[in-house]
Amino acid sequence: MKVAIIHYWFITRRGGEKVVESILKLYPNADIYTLFYDENKYGDSLKNHKIYTSILNTPFLRKYYQKIFPLYPIGVRSLKLKDNYDLIISSESGPAKGIFIKNKTPHICYIHSPMRYAWSHGEIYIKTTNYFLRPIIRFFFNRLRLWDKSTIDNVDLYIANSVNVAKRVEKYYNRNSEIVYPPIAEFLFNNYLKESTKEYYLSFGALTPYKKIDLLVNSFNASGKRLIIIGEGSEKEKLAQVANNNIQFISCPNWVDVEAIILKSKALLFPGEEDFGMIPLEVMTYGIPVIAFSKGGALETVKENKENIEKSSGLFFHKQTVNALNEVINYFEIIENKFDPYWIRNYAKNFRETNFIENFKEKVATYLKPDLN
């Protein structure tokens, strides 16, 4: 089959981009369409593919790609499919699914979340902006929601990355979806487990408002415990200014450096409400437990069993407050030696890449089967 894959952008290599790379193992000759592509930042993972970018893909606009959301529809409209494809696959938490498709080509959307600006997280983003700009930003979010709504039926089949996101698709789009969990890279299961030296707590991921890294900073300012925060994003400078000396910020290094940091951590902290969250599972492959907020995708990735901690991959806290988080951290320190690193890693194997590829392939084949016959 001739396949086109549409992904919102390739600027940094995060969860959505790792999903696309796994889908490309199923369709190695697929063409790629995207709003923004920065090969210098992203690396050479896509070098063997034809990549078509939007009119927005300039150095200046790439620099502010998350802030120019009112232009996304213009960018998507500028993407013209260059061939007669047999299948369109969009990887979506932005505007990707809105690409114009001719000839009624089947369109399957692997959805990480309905566009957060427009639906579930709009007010969270707005509250972090200048007070006087909020009405303007809210106006553009509303316009983006209307445009996003107009593209819902451009998709024939939605495949959600979690039960959590499937519920959002039903709530905001009034559409049902299949569920295929995202892929955790096979190489993470290859090495023997090494015992953590348990020197500090760890946060790892994009520093954006809905991730609630501010809660971590406030909690560790109060407790004085050591915290390492790996990541980049719009909130980094603001957070670093208020953090005490026990909190250290590290820019996104290569995976060898990340691994060294993980292997010295007590637990990964996951304080936001995530769509799914691949990072907790990636850290679990090292036998490290996770302390997560009990909402969203974490409920599908973190296994808490207080009656038998040896068969737990982490703990939950139930309010996004300093007291609630520090209470669960204090409880964790009482029982942390009861966690079984081997059990945690084996649990993470349920989400390995081979499972994703098999499940995704099956969903696509089942949907296309009438056409293939």
Protein backbone atom coordinates (compact mmCIF):
# COMPACT_ATOMS: atom_id res chain seq x y z
CA MET A 1 0.00 0.00 0.00
CA LYS A 2 0.96 3.60 -0.56
CA VAL A 3 0.71 5.27 2.84
CA ALA A 4 0.90 8.89 3.96
CA ILE A 5 1.51 9.74 7.61
CA ILE A 6 0.47 13.16 8.92
CA HIS A 7 2.01 14.35 12.19
CA TYR A 8 1.63 17.79 13.74
CA TRP A 9 5.38 18.55 14.00
CA PHE A 10 8.85 17.08 14.32
CA ILE A 11 10.71 19.57 16.51
CA THR A 12 11.51 17.48 19.57
CA ARG A 13 11.39 13.70 19.91
CA ARG A 14 8.66 13.08 22.47
CA GLY A 15 5.89 10.51 22.84
CA GLY A 16 3.96 11.39 19.68
CA GLU A 17 7.08 11.26 17.54
CA LYS A 18 8.09 7.88 18.98
CA VAL A 19 4.66 6.56 17.99
CA VAL A 20 5.19 7.74 14.42
CA GLU A 21 8.60 6.06 14.29
CA SER A 22 6.95 2.79 15.37
CA ILE A 23 4.22 3.14 12.74
CA LEU A 24 6.97 3.64 10.16
CA LYS A 25 8.26 0.17 10.98
CA LEU A 26 4.95 -1.11 9.64
CA TYR A 27 5.03 1.21 6.61
CA PRO A 28 8.72 1.87 5.89
CA ASN A 29 8.00 3.51 2.52
CA ALA A 30 5.41 5.94 3.85
CA ASP A 31 5.56 9.63 2.97
CA ILE A 32 5.42 12.10 5.85
CA TYR A 33 3.53 15.39 6.03
CA THR A 34 3.96 17.85 8.90
CA LEU A 35 3.57 21.51 9.85
CA PHE A 36 7.14 21.88 11.14
CA TYR A 37 10.31 19.83 10.74
CA ASP A 38 13.65 20.81 12.26
CA GLU A 39 16.17 18.13 11.33
CA ASN A 40 18.94 19.78 13.36
CA LYS A 41 16.91 19.44 16.56
CA TYR A 42 15.08 16.23 15.76
CA GLY A 43 17.97 14.18 14.43
CA ASP A 44 18.23 11.87 11.46
CA SER A 45 15.54 9.30 12.38
CA LEU A 46 13.43 10.30 9.37
CA LYS A 47 16.21 10.80 6.83
CA ASN A 48 15.10 7.90 4.60
CA HIS A 49 11.58 9.26 4.14
CA LYS A 50 10.05 11.88 1.90
CA ILE A 51 8.99 14.71 4.20
CA TYR A 52 6.64 17.47 3.08
CA THR A 53 6.24 20.52 5.30
CA SER A 54 3.75 23.39 5.48
CA ILE A 55 4.27 27.02 4.51
CA LEU A 56 4.77 27.71 8.24
CA ASN A 57 8.03 25.77 8.31
CA THR A 58 10.43 28.70 8.51
CA PRO A 59 13.18 29.14 11.11
CA PHE A 60 11.35 32.04 12.76
CA LEU A 61 7.95 30.34 13.01
CA ARG A 62 9.51 27.04 14.12
CA LYS A 63 11.04 28.89 17.05
CA TYR A 64 7.57 29.89 18.26
CA TYR A 65 5.67 26.85 16.96
CA GLN A 66 3.61 26.38 20.13
CA LYS A 67 2.61 30.05 20.32
CA ILE A 68 1.36 30.49 16.74
CA PHE A 69 -1.60 28.13 17.12
CA PRO A 70 -4.02 30.52 15.31
CA LEU A 71 -2.00 29.78 12.15
CA TYR A 72 -2.29 25.98 12.36
CA PRO A 73 -5.34 25.73 10.06
CA ILE A 74 -3.48 27.79 7.43
CA GLY A 75 -0.53 25.44 7.74
CA VAL A 76 -2.66 22.33 7.37
CA ARG A 77 -4.45 23.74 4.32
CA SER A 78 -1.05 24.33 2.69
CA LEU A 79 -0.20 20.62 2.94
CA LYS A 80 -1.18 19.01 -0.35
CA LEU A 81 -0.98 15.24 -0.72
CA LYS A 82 1.55 14.51 -3.47
CA ASP A 83 0.30 11.08 -4.54
CA ASN A 84 -2.76 8.87 -4.72
CA TYR A 85 -2.47 7.03 -1.43
CA ASP A 86 -4.21 3.85 -0.32
CA LEU A 87 -4.21 4.86 3.35
CA ILE A 88 -3.83 8.07 5.34
CA ILE A 89 -2.68 7.82 8.97
CA SER A 90 -2.71 10.95 11.09
CA SER A 91 -0.94 11.18 14.43
CA GLU A 92 -2.96 13.74 16.29
CA SER A 93 -3.03 16.02 19.28
CA GLY A 94 -2.99 19.12 17.13
CA PRO A 95 -4.32 19.91 13.67
CA ALA A 96 -2.97 16.90 11.73
CA LYS A 97 -6.29 15.19 11.07
CA GLY A 98 -7.56 18.28 9.19
CA ILE A 99 -5.51 17.60 6.05
CA PHE A 100 -7.56 17.65 2.83
CA ILE A 101 -8.12 14.14 1.48
CA LYS A 102 -9.41 13.49 -2.01
CA ASN A 103 -10.89 10.35 -3.55
CA LYS A 104 -12.29 9.17 -0.20
CA THR A 105 -8.99 7.57 0.77
CA PRO A 106 -9.37 5.74 4.13
CA HIS A 107 -8.14 7.95 6.98
CA ILE A 108 -7.19 6.42 10.33
CA CYS A 109 -6.30 8.80 13.14
CA TYR A 110 -4.10 7.65 16.02
CA ILE A 111 -5.12 10.24 18.57
CA HIS A 112 -3.01 11.24 21.56
CA SER A 113 -5.70 13.71 22.61
CA PRO A 114 -8.24 16.06 21.06
CA MET A 115 -6.42 19.37 20.66
CA ARG A 116 -5.66 20.45 24.23
CA TYR A 117 -5.72 24.20 23.51
CA ALA A 118 -9.24 23.90 22.16
CA TRP A 119 -10.82 21.39 24.50
CA SER A 120 -9.58 19.82 27.74
CA HIS A 121 -6.71 22.10 28.79
CA GLY A 122 -7.55 25.51 27.34
CA GLU A 123 -8.10 27.29 30.64
CA ILE A 124 -4.91 25.82 32.11
CA TYR A 125 -2.87 27.41 29.32
CA ILE A 126 -4.78 30.70 29.56
CA LYS A 127 -4.14 31.07 33.31
CA THR A 128 -0.39 31.06 32.70
CA THR A 129 -0.55 34.03 30.32
CA ASN A 130 -0.64 37.81 30.84
CA TYR A 131 -3.97 38.80 32.39
CA PHE A 132 -4.71 41.44 29.75
CA LEU A 133 -4.00 39.02 26.88
CA ARG A 134 -6.34 36.33 28.16
CA PRO A 135 -9.49 37.51 26.33
CA ILE A 136 -7.57 37.55 23.04
CA ILE A 137 -6.09 34.09 23.61
CA ARG A 138 -9.49 32.75 24.63
CA PHE A 139 -10.95 34.16 21.40
CA PHE A 140 -8.36 32.34 19.30
CA PHE A 141 -8.80 29.12 21.29
CA ASN A 142 -12.53 29.27 20.56
CA ARG A 143 -11.86 29.80 16.85
CA LEU A 144 -9.46 26.88 16.86
CA ARG A 145 -12.11 24.73 18.54
CA LEU A 146 -14.61 25.55 15.80
CA TRP A 147 -12.06 24.67 13.12
CA ASP A 148 -11.10 21.45 14.89
CA LYS A 149 -14.77 20.53 15.15
CA SER A 150 -15.15 20.95 11.39
CA THR A 151 -12.43 18.32 10.80
CA ILE A 152 -13.87 15.58 13.04
CA ASP A 153 -15.57 13.73 10.20
CA ASN A 154 -12.46 13.90 8.05
CA VAL A 155 -11.48 10.73 9.94
CA ASP A 156 -12.93 7.29 9.24
CA LEU A 157 -11.49 5.47 12.28
CA TYR A 158 -10.11 6.88 15.52
CA ILE A 159 -7.56 4.81 17.46
CA ALA A 160 -7.01 6.32 20.91
CA ASN A 161 -3.79 5.91 22.89
CA SER A 162 -5.71 5.09 26.10
CA VAL A 163 -9.14 4.61 27.63
CA ASN A 164 -8.71 8.13 29.01
CA VAL A 165 -8.33 9.64 25.53
CA ALA A 166 -11.10 7.45 24.11
CA LYS A 167 -13.43 9.08 26.66
CA ARG A 168 -12.30 12.54 25.49
CA VAL A 169 -12.90 11.58 21.86
CA GLU A 170 -16.43 10.52 22.77
CA LYS A 171 -17.00 13.65 24.89
CA TYR A 172 -15.65 16.28 22.48
CA TYR A 173 -16.05 14.60 19.08
CA ASN A 174 -19.02 12.32 19.74
CA ARG A 175 -17.10 9.48 18.07
CA ASN A 176 -16.17 6.01 19.23
CA SER A 177 -12.56 4.86 19.05
CA GLU A 178 -10.46 1.72 19.25
CA ILE A 179 -7.65 1.63 21.83
CA VAL A 180 -3.98 0.79 21.22
CA TYR A 181 -1.47 1.75 23.91
CA PRO A 182 1.68 3.60 22.72
CA PRO A 183 5.01 1.77 22.26
CA ILE A 184 7.77 1.52 24.83
CA ALA A 185 11.07 0.99 23.00
CA GLU A 186 12.42 -2.56 22.93
CA PHE A 187 16.00 -1.52 23.76
CA LEU A 188 14.87 -0.43 27.22
CA PHE A 189 14.29 -4.09 28.14
CA ASN A 190 17.63 -5.37 26.84
CA ASN A 191 20.00 -4.58 29.69
CA TYR A 192 20.24 -6.26 33.08
CA LEU A 193 18.65 -4.31 35.90
CA LYS A 194 21.02 -2.24 38.00
CA GLU A 195 20.14 -1.24 41.53
CA SER A 196 19.38 2.45 41.97
CA THR A 197 21.59 4.42 44.34
CA LYS A 198 18.46 6.37 45.38
CA GLU A 199 19.99 9.81 45.61
CA TYR A 200 17.06 12.02 44.58
CA TYR A 201 13.59 12.19 43.06
CA LEU A 202 13.14 12.67 39.33
CA SER A 203 10.85 14.60 37.02
CA PHE A 204 11.22 14.08 33.29
CA GLY A 205 9.28 15.66 30.42
CA ALA A 206 8.15 18.88 28.78
CA LEU A 207 7.91 21.90 31.07
CA THR A 208 4.48 23.12 30.01
CA PRO A 209 1.61 24.35 32.22
CA TYR A 210 -0.58 21.25 32.31
CA LYS A 211 2.37 19.07 33.42
CA LYS A 212 2.12 20.77 36.87
CA ILE A 213 5.86 20.95 37.45
CA ASP A 214 5.14 24.06 39.55
CA LEU A 215 3.56 21.71 42.09
CA LEU A 216 6.82 19.76 42.31
CA VAL A 217 8.87 22.93 42.78
CA ASN A 218 6.59 24.20 45.55
CA SER A 219 6.53 20.80 47.27
CA PHE A 220 10.30 20.34 47.22
CA ASN A 221 10.89 23.95 48.23
CA ALA A 222 8.86 23.07 51.32
CA SER A 223 10.44 19.67 52.03
CA GLY A 224 14.06 20.41 51.12
CA LYS A 225 14.45 16.97 49.49
CA ARG A 226 16.56 16.65 46.33
CA LEU A 227 14.81 16.81 42.97
CA ILE A 228 16.21 16.58 39.44
CA ILE A 229 14.00 18.02 36.66
CA ILE A 230 14.92 16.97 33.11
CA GLY A 231 13.21 18.90 30.33
CA GLU A 232 12.64 22.02 28.31
CA GLY A 233 9.59 24.16 27.76
CA SER A 234 7.80 27.46 28.25
CA GLU A 235 7.71 27.17 32.06
CA LYS A 236 11.39 26.42 32.65
CA GLU A 237 12.70 29.93 33.27
CA LYS A 238 9.84 30.84 35.58
CA LEU A 239 10.19 27.62 37.58
CA ALA A 240 13.97 27.91 37.87
CA GLN A 241 13.64 31.42 39.33
CA VAL A 242 11.54 30.22 42.27
CA ALA A 243 13.26 26.87 42.90
CA ASN A 244 15.57 26.44 45.89
CA ASN A 245 19.07 24.95 45.64
CA ASN A 246 17.83 21.41 46.35
CA ILE A 247 16.12 21.45 42.92
CA GLN A 248 18.27 21.07 39.82
CA PHE A 249 17.16 21.66 36.22
CA ILE A 250 18.87 19.72 33.42
CA SER A 251 18.36 20.29 29.71
CA CYS A 252 17.35 17.30 27.62
CA PRO A 253 20.59 15.33 27.24
CA ASN A 254 21.08 12.17 25.18
CA TRP A 255 19.61 8.91 26.44
CA VAL A 256 22.91 7.68 27.89
CA ASP A 257 22.88 10.70 30.21
CA VAL A 258 19.19 10.26 30.96
CA GLU A 259 19.81 6.63 31.88
CA ALA A 260 22.57 7.61 34.29
CA ILE A 261 20.20 10.06 36.00
CA ILE A 262 17.36 7.51 36.19
CA LEU A 263 19.67 4.96 37.82
CA LYS A 264 20.33 7.33 40.72
CA SER A 265 16.67 8.18 41.37
CA LYS A 266 14.33 7.01 44.11
CA ALA A 267 11.14 7.47 42.10
CA LEU A 268 9.73 9.34 39.13
CA LEU A 269 7.22 12.05 40.00
CA PHE A 270 4.31 12.51 37.61
CA PRO A 271 2.14 15.32 38.96
CA GLY A 272 -0.04 16.30 35.96
CA GLU A 273 -3.11 14.84 34.32
CA GLU A 274 -1.68 13.17 31.22
CA ASP A 275 -3.37 11.77 28.13
CA PHE A 276 -1.41 8.54 28.61
CA GLY A 277 2.20 9.16 29.60
CA MET A 278 5.03 7.09 28.14
CA ILE A 279 7.75 8.42 30.43
CA PRO A 280 6.52 6.57 33.57
CA LEU A 281 6.67 3.28 31.68
CA GLU A 282 10.09 4.11 30.23
CA VAL A 283 11.40 4.75 33.76
CA MET A 284 9.70 1.56 35.02
CA THR A 285 11.87 -0.45 32.61
CA TYR A 286 14.74 0.42 34.98
CA GLY A 287 12.78 -0.95 37.94
CA ILE A 288 12.10 2.56 39.29
CA PRO A 289 8.64 3.19 40.83
CA VAL A 290 6.40 6.14 39.97
CA ILE A 291 4.49 8.55 42.20
CA ALA A 292 1.61 9.93 40.12
CA PHE A 293 -1.50 12.07 40.36
CA SER A 294 -4.51 9.74 40.29
CA LYS A 295 -6.18 11.02 37.17
CA GLY A 296 -5.84 10.59 33.42
CA GLY A 297 -3.50 8.15 31.72
CA ALA A 298 -1.53 7.36 34.90
CA LEU A 299 -4.47 5.23 36.05
CA GLU A 300 -3.70 2.93 33.10
CA THR A 301 0.08 2.80 33.51
CA VAL A 302 0.77 2.89 37.26
CA LYS A 303 -0.20 -0.16 39.31
CA GLU A 304 -0.78 0.59 42.99
CA ASN A 305 -1.26 -2.30 45.42
CA LYS A 306 -0.86 -1.11 49.00
CA GLU A 307 -1.75 -4.55 50.33
CA ASN A 308 1.20 -6.03 48.44
CA ILE A 309 3.76 -3.36 47.57
CA GLU A 310 5.98 -6.00 45.94
CA LYS A 311 3.39 -6.12 43.15
CA SER A 312 3.11 -2.37 42.68
CA SER A 313 4.76 -0.08 40.15
CA GLY A 314 4.06 3.04 42.17
CA LEU A 315 1.78 5.11 44.35
CA PHE A 316 -0.94 7.71 43.74
CA PHE A 317 -1.72 11.02 45.36
CA HIS A 318 -5.25 12.33 44.99
CA LYS A 319 -5.06 16.13 45.25
CA GLN A 320 -2.68 18.43 43.37
CA THR A 321 -1.54 20.17 46.54
CA VAL A 322 1.81 20.49 48.31
CA ASN A 323 0.51 18.66 51.38
CA ALA A 324 -0.94 15.74 49.41
CA LEU A 325 2.23 15.25 47.39
CA ASN A 326 4.59 15.52 50.34
CA GLU A 327 2.45 13.12 52.36
CA VAL A 328 2.69 10.40 49.70
CA ILE A 329 6.45 11.01 49.33
CA ASN A 330 6.88 10.58 53.10
CA TYR A 331 4.83 7.36 52.95
CA PHE A 332 6.90 6.18 49.99
CA GLU A 333 10.10 6.61 51.97
CA ILE A 334 8.76 4.28 54.66
CA ILE A 335 7.99 1.48 52.19
CA GLU A 336 10.35 2.17 49.26
CA ASN A 337 12.51 -0.90 49.92
CA LYS A 338 9.47 -3.16 49.47
CA PHE A 339 9.13 -2.32 45.76
CA ASP A 340 10.39 -5.10 43.50
CA PRO A 341 12.37 -3.69 40.52
CA TYR A 342 11.95 -6.94 38.57
CA TRP A 343 8.18 -6.91 39.01
CA ILE A 344 8.07 -3.27 37.92
CA ARG A 345 10.05 -3.98 34.74
CA ASN A 346 7.93 -7.05 33.89
CA TYR A 347 4.80 -4.98 34.32
CA ALA A 348 6.15 -2.40 31.85
CA LYS A 349 6.63 -5.18 29.27
CA ASN A 350 2.87 -5.15 28.72
CA PHE A 351 3.42 -1.89 26.81
CA ARG A 352 6.47 -2.82 24.73
CA GLU A 353 6.76 -1.77 21.10
CA THR A 354 6.14 -5.24 19.65
CA ASN A 355 2.70 -5.23 21.30
CA PHE A 356 1.93 -1.80 19.85
CA ILE A 357 2.92 -2.85 16.33
CA GLU A 358 0.86 -6.04 16.47
CA ASN A 359 -2.21 -4.30 17.89
CA PHE A 360 -2.03 -1.34 15.51
CA LYS A 361 -1.55 -3.61 12.51
CA GLU A 362 -4.56 -5.68 13.56
CA LYS A 363 -6.83 -2.63 13.96
CA VAL A 364 -5.83 -1.30 10.54
CA ALA A 365 -6.27 -4.69 8.85
CA THR A 366 -9.69 -5.21 10.45
CA TYR A 367 -10.85 -1.79 9.27
CA LEU A 368 -9.50 -2.17 5.71
CA LYS A 369 -10.54 -5.79 5.26
CA PRO A 370 -13.74 -5.04 3.31
CA ASP A 371 -11.72 -2.96 0.86
CA LEU A 372 -9.03 -5.63 0.51
CA ASN A 373 -11.67 -8.21 -0.36
